[in-house]
Amino acid sequence: MEKTMKTNVYAKLTVNVYALGLVLLFASRTLWAQPAPQDPIAESLFPPELLMHHQDAIALSEEQKDFIHAAIQRAEPRIEELRRQLQDESETMAALLKKDRVEEQQALAQADKVLNLEREIKRTHLALLIGIKNKLTPRQQAQLKEIKIKLAPIQMKMQGVQASIRRWEQDGRDLSPIGQIMDEFEPLMREGKFKEAEAVLDRALKRLRE
């Protein structure tokens, strides 16, 4: 029961993070992750989660929604395949480096394979985000930039909640009180009530710090 509760809390946090549209444009080994602060590239692009979460606020058309869904469906299988290849090549690289005497040229050639795969993942992801941005009107882009600014403090507090959740989990503490608090977060975000959503995170952080 306790394990199930922990899993549910983690699931909620994962959904909430993605709902914020917090994407790291150049993640080395994952498709979606949280962005580095003040990343000039990420600031100019809009992850699909952000668009879909705020589709009503920016008046996303059905044509735009269909385009985004289709673009994701094309990109995800390619990225997943590249990630599998990257995992295999990284393991090969690790095995080469574990030897007492490393064959330099062999190791460097293997490193090139790893770096090329990472580059291709980033390039595929970038192409997805560029395609999505080009489908948006200037007004929609301006609205999304405003939303991202409003989400910045929420992002920071969400990271704090996640870190504290991990500490609680390591200590074997009951996570159900946090899950109950976080139940309120997603509906507020969907309604665009960012101040109220931030207040929910404040409550969660206060409880986690007790």
Protein backbone atom coordinates (compact mmCIF):
# COMPACT_ATOMS: atom_id res chain seq x y z
CA MET A 1 0.00 0.00 0.00
CA GLU A 2 2.76 2.41 0.99
CA LYS A 3 4.71 1.56 -2.17
CA THR A 4 1.62 2.22 -4.27
CA MET A 5 1.12 5.59 -2.59
CA LYS A 6 4.72 6.58 -3.28
CA THR A 7 4.31 5.59 -6.90
CA ASN A 8 1.14 7.65 -7.18
CA VAL A 9 2.82 10.73 -5.72
CA TYR A 10 5.73 10.40 -8.11
CA ALA A 11 3.31 9.96 -11.00
CA LYS A 12 1.48 13.13 -10.05
CA LEU A 13 4.71 15.08 -9.84
CA THR A 14 5.80 13.76 -13.22
CA VAL A 15 2.51 14.74 -14.81
CA ASN A 16 2.68 18.17 -13.21
CA VAL A 17 6.20 18.81 -14.44
CA TYR A 18 5.26 17.89 -17.98
CA ALA A 19 2.11 19.95 -17.70
CA LEU A 20 4.26 23.00 -17.09
CA GLY A 21 5.98 22.41 -20.38
CA LEU A 22 9.42 22.49 -18.83
CA VAL A 23 11.60 21.08 -21.56
CA LEU A 24 15.36 21.03 -21.81
CA LEU A 25 16.11 21.59 -25.47
CA PHE A 26 19.47 19.90 -25.44
CA ALA A 27 19.05 17.01 -23.00
CA SER A 28 21.85 14.55 -23.62
CA ARG A 29 20.00 11.29 -23.02
CA THR A 30 16.32 12.05 -22.54
CA LEU A 31 13.66 13.53 -24.75
CA TRP A 32 11.99 15.69 -22.11
CA ALA A 33 13.49 17.27 -19.01
CA GLN A 34 13.59 20.56 -17.21
CA PRO A 35 15.40 23.44 -18.92
CA ALA A 36 18.53 25.16 -17.74
CA PRO A 37 17.80 28.65 -16.36
CA GLN A 38 17.89 31.46 -18.93
CA ASP A 39 18.73 29.19 -21.82
CA PRO A 40 18.64 31.60 -24.80
CA ILE A 41 17.69 28.79 -27.20
CA ALA A 42 14.96 27.29 -25.05
CA GLU A 43 13.53 30.76 -24.42
CA SER A 44 12.76 31.10 -28.11
CA LEU A 45 11.00 27.76 -28.53
CA PHE A 46 7.87 26.17 -27.11
CA PRO A 47 7.62 22.53 -26.00
CA PRO A 48 4.46 20.75 -27.14
CA GLU A 49 3.37 20.10 -23.54
CA LEU A 50 3.22 23.85 -22.94
CA LEU A 51 1.06 24.42 -26.01
CA MET A 52 -1.34 21.59 -25.31
CA HIS A 53 -1.67 22.50 -21.64
CA HIS A 54 -2.57 26.11 -22.52
CA GLN A 55 -4.35 25.42 -25.79
CA ASP A 56 -7.49 27.28 -24.73
CA ALA A 57 -5.58 30.33 -23.47
CA ILE A 58 -3.78 30.75 -26.80
CA ALA A 59 -6.78 29.67 -28.92
CA LEU A 60 -4.98 26.76 -30.53
CA SER A 61 -6.89 25.68 -33.63
CA GLU A 62 -7.82 22.11 -34.48
CA GLU A 63 -5.44 22.26 -37.43
CA GLN A 64 -2.60 23.31 -35.14
CA LYS A 65 -3.43 20.56 -32.64
CA ASP A 66 -3.43 17.96 -35.40
CA PHE A 67 -0.10 19.25 -36.68
CA ILE A 68 1.50 19.08 -33.21
CA HIS A 69 0.21 15.55 -32.58
CA ALA A 70 1.45 14.38 -35.97
CA ALA A 71 4.85 16.01 -35.47
CA ILE A 72 5.29 14.32 -32.10
CA GLN A 73 4.22 10.95 -33.51
CA ARG A 74 6.87 11.28 -36.19
CA ALA A 75 9.65 12.44 -33.87
CA GLU A 76 9.17 10.17 -30.85
CA PRO A 77 9.87 6.80 -32.54
CA ARG A 78 13.00 8.21 -34.14
CA ILE A 79 14.25 9.64 -30.87
CA GLU A 80 13.48 6.44 -28.97
CA GLU A 81 15.42 4.40 -31.53
CA LEU A 82 18.35 6.80 -31.28
CA ARG A 83 18.24 6.56 -27.50
CA ARG A 84 18.41 2.78 -27.65
CA GLN A 85 21.41 3.00 -29.96
CA LEU A 86 22.99 5.57 -27.67
CA GLN A 87 22.56 3.29 -24.67
CA ASP A 88 24.26 0.42 -26.49
CA GLU A 89 27.15 2.55 -27.71
CA SER A 90 27.58 4.13 -24.28
CA GLU A 91 27.85 0.70 -22.70
CA THR A 92 30.48 -0.25 -25.25
CA MET A 93 32.32 2.96 -24.45
CA ALA A 94 32.20 2.24 -20.74
CA ALA A 95 33.59 -1.25 -21.30
CA LEU A 96 36.53 0.15 -23.27
CA LEU A 97 37.34 2.66 -20.55
CA LYS A 98 37.23 0.05 -17.79
CA LYS A 99 40.27 -1.76 -19.15
CA ASP A 100 43.55 -1.29 -17.33
CA ARG A 101 45.08 -0.06 -20.56
CA VAL A 102 42.73 1.89 -22.82
CA GLU A 103 43.25 1.70 -26.56
CA GLU A 104 43.14 5.42 -27.31
CA GLN A 105 42.15 5.32 -30.97
CA GLN A 106 39.49 2.69 -30.38
CA ALA A 107 38.07 4.66 -27.46
CA LEU A 108 38.04 7.91 -29.44
CA ALA A 109 36.33 6.24 -32.37
CA GLN A 110 33.68 4.90 -30.01
CA ALA A 111 33.32 8.33 -28.47
CA ASP A 112 32.57 9.70 -31.92
CA LYS A 113 29.70 7.21 -32.24
CA VAL A 114 28.26 8.31 -28.89
CA LEU A 115 28.60 12.01 -29.68
CA ASN A 116 27.07 11.60 -33.14
CA LEU A 117 24.03 9.88 -31.65
CA GLU A 118 23.63 12.58 -29.03
CA ARG A 119 23.86 15.20 -31.76
CA GLU A 120 21.20 13.43 -33.83
CA ILE A 121 18.84 13.28 -30.83
CA LYS A 122 19.27 16.99 -30.23
CA ARG A 123 18.85 17.78 -33.92
CA THR A 124 15.64 15.73 -34.18
CA HIS A 125 14.26 17.39 -31.07
CA LEU A 126 15.21 20.84 -32.36
CA ALA A 127 13.51 20.16 -35.68
CA LEU A 128 10.33 19.21 -33.80
CA LEU A 129 10.32 22.44 -31.78
CA ILE A 130 11.09 24.61 -34.80
CA GLY A 131 8.26 23.03 -36.76
CA ILE A 132 5.86 23.67 -33.89
CA LYS A 133 6.94 27.29 -33.50
CA ASN A 134 6.49 27.97 -37.20
CA LYS A 135 2.90 26.77 -36.94
CA LEU A 136 2.07 29.38 -34.29
CA THR A 137 0.90 32.92 -34.95
CA PRO A 138 2.94 35.86 -33.60
CA ARG A 139 0.18 36.51 -31.07
CA GLN A 140 0.25 32.91 -29.83
CA GLN A 141 4.02 33.06 -29.48
CA ALA A 142 3.77 36.26 -27.45
CA GLN A 143 1.13 34.68 -25.21
CA LEU A 144 3.30 31.62 -24.62
CA LYS A 145 6.28 33.79 -23.69
CA GLU A 146 4.11 35.53 -21.10
CA ILE A 147 3.00 32.16 -19.73
CA LYS A 148 6.60 30.95 -19.49
CA ILE A 149 7.52 34.04 -17.47
CA LYS A 150 4.66 33.37 -15.08
CA LEU A 151 5.70 29.72 -14.77
CA ALA A 152 9.32 30.47 -13.83
CA PRO A 153 8.77 30.71 -10.03
CA ILE A 154 6.50 27.68 -10.15
CA GLN A 155 9.23 25.73 -11.89
CA MET A 156 11.72 26.56 -9.15
CA LYS A 157 9.32 25.51 -6.41
CA MET A 158 8.40 22.32 -8.23
CA GLN A 159 12.08 21.40 -8.29
CA GLY A 160 12.18 21.98 -4.53
CA VAL A 161 9.15 19.74 -4.04
CA GLN A 162 10.75 16.99 -6.11
CA ALA A 163 14.01 17.15 -4.17
CA SER A 164 12.19 17.00 -0.83
CA ILE A 165 10.00 14.14 -2.06
CA ARG A 166 13.15 12.15 -2.82
CA ARG A 167 14.49 12.78 0.68
CA TRP A 168 11.21 11.66 2.23
CA GLU A 169 11.23 8.55 0.11
CA GLN A 170 14.79 7.75 1.18
CA ASP A 171 13.77 8.17 4.81
CA GLY A 172 10.81 5.83 4.33
CA ARG A 173 8.28 8.50 5.25
CA ASP A 174 4.59 8.43 4.32
CA LEU A 175 4.07 10.49 1.16
CA SER A 176 0.27 10.45 1.21
CA PRO A 177 -0.06 13.94 2.81
CA ILE A 178 1.95 15.40 -0.06
CA GLY A 179 -0.12 13.53 -2.60
CA GLN A 180 -3.28 15.02 -1.12
CA ILE A 181 -1.87 18.53 -1.39
CA MET A 182 -0.64 18.00 -4.94
CA ASP A 183 -4.10 16.82 -6.02
CA GLU A 184 -5.05 20.51 -6.03
CA PHE A 185 -2.17 21.58 -8.27
CA GLU A 186 -3.08 20.24 -11.70
CA PRO A 187 -6.65 21.63 -11.86
CA LEU A 188 -5.37 25.10 -10.95
CA MET A 189 -2.69 24.93 -13.63
CA ARG A 190 -5.22 23.90 -16.24
CA GLU A 191 -7.39 26.88 -15.31
CA GLY A 192 -4.42 29.23 -15.58
CA LYS A 193 -4.58 30.08 -11.88
CA PHE A 194 -0.83 30.30 -11.46
CA LYS A 195 -0.82 32.21 -8.17
CA GLU A 196 -3.13 29.68 -6.57
CA ALA A 197 -1.06 26.81 -7.99
CA GLU A 198 2.10 28.38 -6.61
CA ALA A 199 0.41 28.62 -3.21
CA VAL A 200 -0.25 24.87 -3.35
CA LEU A 201 3.47 24.27 -3.91
CA ASP A 202 4.24 26.55 -0.97
CA ARG A 203 2.01 24.38 1.22
CA ALA A 204 3.66 21.22 -0.05
CA LEU A 205 7.13 22.64 0.59
CA LYS A 206 6.17 23.71 4.09
CA ARG A 207 4.85 20.23 4.85
CA LEU A 208 7.93 18.57 3.34
CA ARG A 209 10.26 20.70 5.45
CA GLU A 210 8.61 19.75 8.72
